[in-house]
């Protein structure tokens, strides 16, 4: 798995987990979905992605989007 796929998989897991928690526990969990979406939007403009930095430190190989 390369860095791009790891970041996208992580973002997808955060969004799906947030939706399930909002359904089962409290609608306030949708704030986590909004945070994930805002982070993806800012990363698309700036190229800065904290999740990509963490995955790089964990040894995940480079992709093409987050270099």
Protein backbone atom coordinates (compact mmCIF):
# COMPACT_ATOMS: atom_id res chain seq x y z
CA UNK A 1 0.00 0.00 0.00
CA UNK A 2 1.37 3.40 -0.91
CA UNK A 3 0.93 6.69 0.92
CA UNK A 4 -1.96 7.93 -1.21
CA UNK A 5 -4.05 4.83 -0.62
CA UNK A 6 -3.25 4.81 3.10
CA UNK A 7 -4.39 8.42 3.52
CA UNK A 8 -7.57 7.84 1.52
CA UNK A 9 -8.34 4.64 3.44
CA UNK A 10 -7.81 6.43 6.76
CA UNK A 11 -10.06 9.33 5.74
CA UNK A 12 -12.74 6.90 4.60
CA UNK A 13 -12.59 5.00 7.89
CA UNK A 14 -12.87 8.25 9.88
CA UNK A 15 -15.91 9.35 7.87
CA UNK A 16 -17.69 5.99 8.08
CA UNK A 17 -16.95 5.63 11.79
CA UNK A 18 -18.26 9.13 12.40
CA UNK A 19 -21.49 8.41 10.52
CA UNK A 20 -22.09 5.19 12.44
CA UNK A 21 -21.42 6.92 15.77
CA UNK A 22 -23.76 9.76 14.79
CA UNK A 23 -26.47 7.24 14.01
CA UNK A 24 -25.98 5.14 17.16
CA UNK A 25 -24.77 7.63 19.78
CA UNK A 26 -25.17 11.33 19.02
CA UNK A 27 -25.48 13.56 15.96
CA UNK A 28 -22.55 15.60 17.30
CA UNK A 29 -20.26 12.91 15.88
CA UNK A 30 -20.96 14.45 12.46
CA UNK A 31 -18.54 17.19 13.51
CA UNK A 32 -15.78 14.61 13.03
CA UNK A 33 -16.99 14.07 9.46
CA UNK A 34 -16.92 17.83 8.90
CA UNK A 35 -13.38 18.00 10.29
CA UNK A 36 -12.21 15.19 8.00
CA UNK A 37 -13.79 16.89 4.99
CA UNK A 38 -12.25 20.26 5.86
CA UNK A 39 -8.84 18.62 6.29
CA UNK A 40 -9.11 16.92 2.89
CA UNK A 41 -10.14 20.20 1.28
CA UNK A 42 -7.23 22.16 2.76
CA UNK A 43 -4.81 19.37 1.81
CA UNK A 44 -5.99 19.57 -1.79
CA UNK A 45 -5.10 23.28 -1.90
CA UNK A 46 -1.94 23.36 0.22
CA UNK A 47 -0.46 19.88 -0.18
CA UNK A 48 -0.03 19.72 3.63
CA UNK A 49 -1.55 16.57 5.12
CA UNK A 50 -0.87 15.62 8.75
CA UNK A 51 -2.04 12.04 8.16
CA UNK A 52 0.45 11.69 5.30
CA UNK A 53 3.24 12.87 7.59
CA UNK A 54 2.30 10.26 10.21
CA UNK A 55 2.12 7.47 7.62
CA UNK A 56 5.54 8.49 6.23
CA UNK A 57 7.03 8.22 9.72
CA UNK A 58 5.47 4.76 10.02
CA UNK A 59 7.33 3.70 6.88
CA UNK A 60 4.57 3.68 4.30
CA UNK A 61 6.06 4.07 0.81
CA UNK A 62 5.58 7.27 -1.16
CA UNK A 63 2.74 7.82 -3.54
CA UNK A 64 2.36 10.62 -6.06
CA UNK A 65 -0.10 12.99 -4.35
CA UNK A 66 1.67 13.58 -1.03
CA UNK A 67 5.38 13.88 -1.74
